[in-house]
PDB file of N, CA and C in Angstrom:
ATOM      1  N   UNK A   1    -106.543  31.416 -38.413  1.00  0.00           N
ATOM      2  CA  UNK A   1    -105.577  32.155 -39.216  1.00  0.00           C
ATOM      3  C   UNK A   1    -104.208  32.176 -38.532  1.00  0.00           C
ATOM      4  N   UNK A   2    -104.179  32.322 -37.236  1.00  0.00           N
ATOM      5  CA  UNK A   2    -102.908  32.333 -36.521  1.00  0.00           C
ATOM      6  C   UNK A   2    -102.204  30.982 -36.614  1.00  0.00           C
ATOM      7  N   UNK A   3    -102.947  29.915 -36.611  1.00  0.00           N
ATOM      8  CA  UNK A   3    -102.349  28.583 -36.704  1.00  0.00           C
ATOM      9  C   UNK A   3    -101.601  28.439 -38.027  1.00  0.00           C
ATOM     10  N   UNK A   4    -102.186  28.899 -39.107  1.00  0.00           N
ATOM     11  CA  UNK A   4    -101.534  28.839 -40.416  1.00  0.00           C
ATOM     12  C   UNK A   4    -100.262  29.674 -40.421  1.00  0.00           C
ATOM     13  N   UNK A   5    -100.316  30.846 -39.806  1.00  0.00           N
ATOM     14  CA  UNK A   5     -99.129  31.701 -39.748  1.00  0.00           C
ATOM     15  C   UNK A   5     -98.011  31.034 -38.962  1.00  0.00           C
ATOM     16  N   UNK A   6     -98.326  30.394 -37.860  1.00  0.00           N
ATOM     17  CA  UNK A   6     -97.316  29.692 -37.077  1.00  0.00           C
ATOM     18  C   UNK A   6     -96.739  28.529 -37.868  1.00  0.00           C
ATOM     19  N   UNK A   7     -97.581  27.823 -38.579  1.00  0.00           N
ATOM     20  CA  UNK A   7     -97.119  26.686 -39.369  1.00  0.00           C
ATOM     21  C   UNK A   7     -96.162  27.139 -40.463  1.00  0.00           C
ATOM     22  N   UNK A   8     -96.477  28.236 -41.122  1.00  0.00           N
ATOM     23  CA  UNK A   8     -95.602  28.767 -42.163  1.00  0.00           C
ATOM     24  C   UNK A   8     -94.276  29.201 -41.577  1.00  0.00           C
ATOM     25  N   UNK A   9     -94.292  29.870 -40.433  1.00  0.00           N
ATOM     26  CA  UNK A   9     -93.057  30.283 -39.786  1.00  0.00           C
ATOM     27  C   UNK A   9     -92.241  29.077 -39.362  1.00  0.00           C
ATOM     28  N   UNK A  10     -92.884  28.077 -38.829  1.00  0.00           N
ATOM     29  CA  UNK A  10     -92.196  26.877 -38.383  1.00  0.00           C
ATOM     30  C   UNK A  10     -91.517  26.170 -39.555  1.00  0.00           C
ATOM     31  N   UNK A  11     -92.189  26.086 -40.695  1.00  0.00           N
ATOM     32  CA  UNK A  11     -91.598  25.453 -41.874  1.00  0.00           C
ATOM     33  C   UNK A  11     -90.368  26.212 -42.335  1.00  0.00           C
ATOM     34  N   UNK A  12     -90.423  27.539 -42.309  1.00  0.00           N
ATOM     35  CA  UNK A  12     -89.269  28.348 -42.693  1.00  0.00           C
ATOM     36  C   UNK A  12     -88.106  28.166 -41.752  1.00  0.00           C
ATOM     37  N   UNK A  13     -88.399  28.080 -40.460  1.00  0.00           N
ATOM     38  CA  UNK A  13     -87.348  27.874 -39.470  1.00  0.00           C
ATOM     39  C   UNK A  13     -86.713  26.498 -39.613  1.00  0.00           C
ATOM     40  N   UNK A  14     -87.511  25.488 -39.864  1.00  0.00           N
ATOM     41  CA  UNK A  14     -86.988  24.137 -40.045  1.00  0.00           C
ATOM     42  C   UNK A  14     -86.094  24.100 -41.270  1.00  0.00           C
ATOM     43  N   UNK A  15     -86.522  24.723 -42.342  1.00  0.00           N
ATOM     44  CA  UNK A  15     -85.732  24.751 -43.570  1.00  0.00           C
ATOM     45  C   UNK A  15     -84.400  25.448 -43.346  1.00  0.00           C
ATOM     46  N   UNK A  16     -84.437  26.553 -42.602  1.00  0.00           N
ATOM     47  CA  UNK A  16     -83.218  27.299 -42.307  1.00  0.00           C
ATOM     48  C   UNK A  16     -82.270  26.472 -41.435  1.00  0.00           C
ATOM     49  N   UNK A  17     -82.811  25.805 -40.424  1.00  0.00           N
ATOM     50  CA  UNK A  17     -81.962  25.011 -39.541  1.00  0.00           C
ATOM     51  C   UNK A  17     -81.408  23.784 -40.262  1.00  0.00           C
ATOM     52  N   UNK A  18     -82.143  23.243 -41.212  1.00  0.00           N
ATOM     53  CA  UNK A  18     -81.638  22.112 -41.988  1.00  0.00           C
ATOM     54  C   UNK A  18     -80.436  22.549 -42.824  1.00  0.00           C
ATOM     55  N   UNK A  19     -80.477  23.754 -43.355  1.00  0.00           N
ATOM     56  CA  UNK A  19     -79.338  24.279 -44.111  1.00  0.00           C
ATOM     57  C   UNK A  19     -78.107  24.443 -43.236  1.00  0.00           C
ATOM     58  N   UNK A  20     -78.317  24.901 -42.017  1.00  0.00           N
ATOM     59  CA  UNK A  20     -77.203  25.063 -41.077  1.00  0.00           C
ATOM     60  C   UNK A  20     -76.626  23.697 -40.716  1.00  0.00           C
ATOM     61  N   UNK A  21     -77.486  22.714 -40.544  1.00  0.00           N
ATOM     62  CA  UNK A  21     -76.999  21.364 -40.235  1.00  0.00           C
ATOM     63  C   UNK A  21     -76.140  20.816 -41.371  1.00  0.00           C
ATOM     64  N   UNK A  22     -76.570  21.029 -42.603  1.00  0.00           N
ATOM     65  CA  UNK A  22     -75.781  20.568 -43.743  1.00  0.00           C
ATOM     66  C   UNK A  22     -74.440  21.293 -43.815  1.00  0.00           C
ATOM     67  N   UNK A  23     -74.435  22.568 -43.501  1.00  0.00           N
ATOM     68  CA  UNK A  23     -73.184  23.334 -43.458  1.00  0.00           C
ATOM     69  C   UNK A  23     -72.250  22.737 -42.410  1.00  0.00           C
ATOM     70  N   UNK A  24     -72.781  22.405 -41.261  1.00  0.00           N
ATOM     71  CA  UNK A  24     -71.968  21.797 -40.203  1.00  0.00           C
ATOM     72  C   UNK A  24     -71.403  20.446 -40.637  1.00  0.00           C
ATOM     73  N   UNK A  25     -72.235  19.637 -41.306  1.00  0.00           N
ATOM     74  CA  UNK A  25     -71.816  18.288 -41.700  1.00  0.00           C
ATOM     75  C   UNK A  25     -70.781  18.325 -42.820  1.00  0.00           C
ATOM     76  N   UNK A  26     -71.003  19.174 -43.830  1.00  0.00           N
ATOM     77  CA  UNK A  26     -70.145  19.146 -45.012  1.00  0.00           C
ATOM     78  C   UNK A  26     -69.021  20.173 -45.024  1.00  0.00           C
ATOM     79  N   UNK A  27     -69.045  21.139 -44.096  1.00  0.00           N
ATOM     80  CA  UNK A  27     -67.978  22.136 -44.078  1.00  0.00           C
ATOM     81  C   UNK A  27     -67.274  22.233 -42.732  1.00  0.00           C
ATOM     82  N   UNK A  28     -68.019  22.474 -41.673  1.00  0.00           N
ATOM     83  CA  UNK A  28     -67.412  22.733 -40.366  1.00  0.00           C
ATOM     84  C   UNK A  28     -66.652  21.515 -39.843  1.00  0.00           C
ATOM     85  N   UNK A  29     -67.306  20.358 -39.777  1.00  0.00           N
ATOM     86  CA  UNK A  29     -66.646  19.159 -39.243  1.00  0.00           C
ATOM     87  C   UNK A  29     -65.411  18.765 -40.073  1.00  0.00           C
ATOM     88  N   UNK A  30     -65.516  18.699 -41.410  1.00  0.00           N
ATOM     89  CA  UNK A  30     -64.312  18.377 -42.187  1.00  0.00           C
ATOM     90  C   UNK A  30     -63.204  19.426 -42.048  1.00  0.00           C
ATOM     91  N   UNK A  31     -63.588  20.687 -41.916  1.00  0.00           N
ATOM     92  CA  UNK A  31     -62.597  21.749 -41.754  1.00  0.00           C
ATOM     93  C   UNK A  31     -61.847  21.591 -40.431  1.00  0.00           C
ATOM     94  N   UNK A  32     -62.549  21.220 -39.383  1.00  0.00           N
ATOM     95  CA  UNK A  32     -61.893  20.986 -38.101  1.00  0.00           C
ATOM     96  C   UNK A  32     -60.904  19.824 -38.186  1.00  0.00           C
ATOM     97  N   UNK A  33     -61.277  18.776 -38.899  1.00  0.00           N
ATOM     98  CA  UNK A  33     -60.355  17.647 -39.089  1.00  0.00           C
ATOM     99  C   UNK A  33     -59.140  18.112 -39.901  1.00  0.00           C
ATOM    100  N   UNK A  34     -59.371  18.882 -40.942  1.00  0.00           N
ATOM    101  CA  UNK A  34     -58.282  19.416 -41.767  1.00  0.00           C
ATOM    102  C   UNK A  34     -57.319  20.248 -40.923  1.00  0.00           C
ATOM    103  N   UNK A  35     -57.865  21.094 -40.072  1.00  0.00           N
ATOM    104  CA  UNK A  35     -57.017  21.909 -39.192  1.00  0.00           C
ATOM    105  C   UNK A  35     -56.198  21.008 -38.276  1.00  0.00           C
ATOM    106  N   UNK A  36     -56.811  19.982 -37.749  1.00  0.00           N
ATOM    107  CA  UNK A  36     -56.095  19.046 -36.881  1.00  0.00           C
ATOM    108  C   UNK A  36     -54.961  18.342 -37.596  1.00  0.00           C
ATOM    109  N   UNK A  37     -55.173  18.000 -38.849  1.00  0.00           N
ATOM    110  CA  UNK A  37     -54.138  17.311 -39.623  1.00  0.00           C
ATOM    111  C   UNK A  37     -52.985  18.247 -39.999  1.00  0.00           C
ATOM    112  N   UNK A  38     -53.289  19.507 -40.229  1.00  0.00           N
ATOM    113  CA  UNK A  38     -52.274  20.472 -40.665  1.00  0.00           C
ATOM    114  C   UNK A  38     -51.620  21.235 -39.513  1.00  0.00           C
ATOM    115  N   UNK A  39     -52.214  21.202 -38.337  1.00  0.00           N
ATOM    116  CA  UNK A  39     -51.733  22.005 -37.207  1.00  0.00           C
ATOM    117  C   UNK A  39     -50.382  21.516 -36.717  1.00  0.00           C
ATOM    118  N   UNK A  40     -49.514  22.443 -36.493  1.00  0.00           N
ATOM    119  CA  UNK A  40     -48.207  22.151 -35.901  1.00  0.00           C
ATOM    120  C   UNK A  40     -48.194  22.737 -34.486  1.00  0.00           C
ATOM    121  N   UNK A  41     -47.611  22.020 -33.584  1.00  0.00           N
ATOM    122  CA  UNK A  41     -47.446  22.552 -32.236  1.00  0.00           C
ATOM    123  C   UNK A  41     -48.594  22.283 -31.284  1.00  0.00           C
ATOM    124  N   UNK A  42     -49.620  21.558 -31.730  1.00  0.00           N
ATOM    125  CA  UNK A  42     -50.704  21.221 -30.812  1.00  0.00           C
ATOM    126  C   UNK A  42     -50.355  19.929 -30.091  1.00  0.00           C
ATOM    127  N   UNK A  43     -50.692  19.884 -28.823  1.00  0.00           N
ATOM    128  CA  UNK A  43     -50.449  18.653 -28.066  1.00  0.00           C
ATOM    129  C   UNK A  43     -51.450  17.577 -28.485  1.00  0.00           C
ATOM    130  N   UNK A  44     -51.170  16.346 -28.086  1.00  0.00           N
ATOM    131  CA  UNK A  44     -52.080  15.246 -28.415  1.00  0.00           C
ATOM    132  C   UNK A  44     -53.453  15.450 -27.790  1.00  0.00           C
ATOM    133  N   UNK A  45     -53.486  15.999 -26.594  1.00  0.00           N
ATOM    134  CA  UNK A  45     -54.783  16.236 -25.950  1.00  0.00           C
ATOM    135  C   UNK A  45     -55.567  17.327 -26.677  1.00  0.00           C
ATOM    136  N   UNK A  46     -54.886  18.347 -27.170  1.00  0.00           N
ATOM    137  CA  UNK A  46     -55.565  19.394 -27.939  1.00  0.00           C
ATOM    138  C   UNK A  46     -56.107  18.842 -29.257  1.00  0.00           C
ATOM    139  N   UNK A  47     -55.332  17.987 -29.910  1.00  0.00           N
ATOM    140  CA  UNK A  47     -55.803  17.351 -31.138  1.00  0.00           C
ATOM    141  C   UNK A  47     -57.000  16.443 -30.858  1.00  0.00           C
ATOM    142  N   UNK A  48     -56.936  15.724 -29.766  1.00  0.00           N
ATOM    143  CA  UNK A  48     -58.042  14.850 -29.393  1.00  0.00           C
ATOM    144  C   UNK A  48     -59.327  15.650 -29.190  1.00  0.00           C
ATOM    145  N   UNK A  49     -59.216  16.768 -28.507  1.00  0.00           N
ATOM    146  CA  UNK A  49     -60.392  17.627 -28.290  1.00  0.00           C
ATOM    147  C   UNK A  49     -60.909  18.154 -29.623  1.00  0.00           C
ATOM    148  N   UNK A  50     -60.011  18.585 -30.498  1.00  0.00           N
ATOM    149  CA  UNK A  50     -60.411  19.102 -31.803  1.00  0.00           C
ATOM    150  C   UNK A  50     -61.140  18.026 -32.617  1.00  0.00           C
ATOM    151  N   UNK A  51     -60.596  16.812 -32.637  1.00  0.00           N
ATOM    152  CA  UNK A  51     -61.239  15.718 -33.363  1.00  0.00           C
ATOM    153  C   UNK A  51     -62.559  15.310 -32.711  1.00  0.00           C
ATOM    154  N   UNK A  52     -62.632  15.380 -31.399  1.00  0.00           N
ATOM    155  CA  UNK A  52     -63.882  15.064 -30.700  1.00  0.00           C
ATOM    156  C   UNK A  52     -64.970  16.078 -31.049  1.00  0.00           C
ATOM    157  N   UNK A  53     -64.599  17.346 -31.127  1.00  0.00           N
ATOM    158  CA  UNK A  53     -65.561  18.380 -31.522  1.00  0.00           C
ATOM    159  C   UNK A  53     -66.024  18.147 -32.955  1.00  0.00           C
ATOM    160  N   UNK A  54     -65.086  17.824 -33.846  1.00  0.00           N
ATOM    161  CA  UNK A  54     -65.436  17.551 -35.244  1.00  0.00           C
ATOM    162  C   UNK A  54     -66.374  16.351 -35.342  1.00  0.00           C
ATOM    163  N   UNK A  55     -66.033  15.271 -34.640  1.00  0.00           N
ATOM    164  CA  UNK A  55     -66.874  14.074 -34.665  1.00  0.00           C
ATOM    165  C   UNK A  55     -68.240  14.317 -34.055  1.00  0.00           C
ATOM    166  N   UNK A  56     -68.274  15.036 -32.945  1.00  0.00           N
ATOM    167  CA  UNK A  56     -69.545  15.356 -32.309  1.00  0.00           C
ATOM    168  C   UNK A  56     -70.420  16.235 -33.189  1.00  0.00           C
ATOM    169  N   UNK A  57     -69.809  17.216 -33.822  1.00  0.00           N
ATOM    170  CA  UNK A  57     -70.538  18.097 -34.737  1.00  0.00           C
ATOM    171  C   UNK A  57     -71.125  17.300 -35.892  1.00  0.00           C
ATOM    172  N   UNK A  58     -70.307  16.442 -36.465  1.00  0.00           N
ATOM    173  CA  UNK A  58     -70.755  15.624 -37.591  1.00  0.00           C
ATOM    174  C   UNK A  58     -71.901  14.701 -37.177  1.00  0.00           C
ATOM    175  N   UNK A  59     -71.714  13.963 -36.101  1.00  0.00           N
ATOM    176  CA  UNK A  59     -72.726  13.003 -35.653  1.00  0.00           C
ATOM    177  C   UNK A  59     -74.036  13.692 -35.261  1.00  0.00           C
ATOM    178  N   UNK A  60     -73.937  14.725 -34.420  1.00  0.00           N
ATOM    179  CA  UNK A  60     -75.120  15.410 -33.905  1.00  0.00           C
ATOM    180  C   UNK A  60     -75.947  16.028 -35.029  1.00  0.00           C
ATOM    181  N   UNK A  61     -75.278  16.736 -35.928  1.00  0.00           N
ATOM    182  CA  UNK A  61     -76.009  17.431 -36.985  1.00  0.00           C
ATOM    183  C   UNK A  61     -76.519  16.491 -38.067  1.00  0.00           C
ATOM    184  N   UNK A  62     -75.765  15.447 -38.397  1.00  0.00           N
ATOM    185  CA  UNK A  62     -76.249  14.477 -39.377  1.00  0.00           C
ATOM    186  C   UNK A  62     -77.468  13.740 -38.833  1.00  0.00           C
ATOM    187  N   UNK A  63     -77.410  13.343 -37.574  1.00  0.00           N
ATOM    188  CA  UNK A  63     -78.534  12.640 -36.936  1.00  0.00           C
ATOM    189  C   UNK A  63     -79.775  13.525 -36.911  1.00  0.00           C
ATOM    190  N   UNK A  64     -79.628  14.774 -36.487  1.00  0.00           N
ATOM    191  CA  UNK A  64     -80.777  15.676 -36.427  1.00  0.00           C
ATOM    192  C   UNK A  64     -81.318  16.013 -37.809  1.00  0.00           C
ATOM    193  N   UNK A  65     -80.437  16.146 -38.789  1.00  0.00           N
ATOM    194  CA  UNK A  65     -80.887  16.410 -40.156  1.00  0.00           C
ATOM    195  C   UNK A  65     -81.765  15.265 -40.652  1.00  0.00           C
ATOM    196  N   UNK A  66     -81.279  14.036 -40.488  1.00  0.00           N
ATOM    197  CA  UNK A  66     -82.023  12.879 -40.973  1.00  0.00           C
ATOM    198  C   UNK A  66     -83.347  12.692 -40.229  1.00  0.00           C
ATOM    199  N   UNK A  67     -83.348  12.911 -38.913  1.00  0.00           N
ATOM    200  CA  UNK A  67     -84.591  12.792 -38.142  1.00  0.00           C
ATOM    201  C   UNK A  67     -85.606  13.840 -38.558  1.00  0.00           C
ATOM    202  N   UNK A  68     -85.164  15.076 -38.743  1.00  0.00           N
ATOM    203  CA  UNK A  68     -86.064  16.161 -39.145  1.00  0.00           C
ATOM    204  C   UNK A  68     -86.599  15.922 -40.548  1.00  0.00           C
ATOM    205  N   UNK A  69     -85.740  15.456 -41.429  1.00  0.00           N
ATOM    206  CA  UNK A  69     -86.173  15.161 -42.803  1.00  0.00           C
ATOM    207  C   UNK A  69     -87.218  14.060 -42.794  1.00  0.00           C
ATOM    208  N   UNK A  70     -87.000  13.020 -42.003  1.00  0.00           N
ATOM    209  CA  UNK A  70     -87.949  11.915 -41.921  1.00  0.00           C
ATOM    210  C   UNK A  70     -89.300  12.390 -41.381  1.00  0.00           C
ATOM    211  N   UNK A  71     -89.265  13.233 -40.341  1.00  0.00           N
ATOM    212  CA  UNK A  71     -90.507  13.754 -39.763  1.00  0.00           C
ATOM    213  C   UNK A  71     -91.260  14.631 -40.755  1.00  0.00           C
ATOM    214  N   UNK A  72     -90.543  15.452 -41.507  1.00  0.00           N
ATOM    215  CA  UNK A  72     -91.205  16.340 -42.457  1.00  0.00           C
ATOM    216  C   UNK A  72     -91.782  15.574 -43.641  1.00  0.00           C
ATOM    217  N   UNK A  73     -91.183  14.442 -43.993  1.00  0.00           N
ATOM    218  CA  UNK A  73     -91.710  13.617 -45.080  1.00  0.00           C
ATOM    219  C   UNK A  73     -92.958  12.848 -44.655  1.00  0.00           C
ATOM    220  N   UNK A  74     -93.059  12.542 -43.365  1.00  0.00           N
ATOM    221  CA  UNK A  74     -94.207  11.791 -42.860  1.00  0.00           C
ATOM    222  C   UNK A  74     -95.430  12.654 -42.632  1.00  0.00           C
ATOM    223  N   UNK A  75     -95.296  13.964 -42.674  1.00  0.00           N
ATOM    224  CA  UNK A  75     -96.447  14.845 -42.412  1.00  0.00           C
ATOM    225  C   UNK A  75     -97.313  15.013 -43.628  1.00  0.00           C
TER     226      UNK A  75
END
């Protein structure tokens, strides 16, 4: 009985984290790029860091979303 309860909790957590990953991919990363494009007064190094964070967020979360989705489909 405990195994089933853990499995149900794990599925809920995976679903919740997948939603957060999609939020990061479709909102957070593009918003950071938008801020970088509209920002006045930031140095080139600050813009580079901002774009690196946006790119890293996009890549990391998209990769993990796709891997998790693939694993859940194979079960």
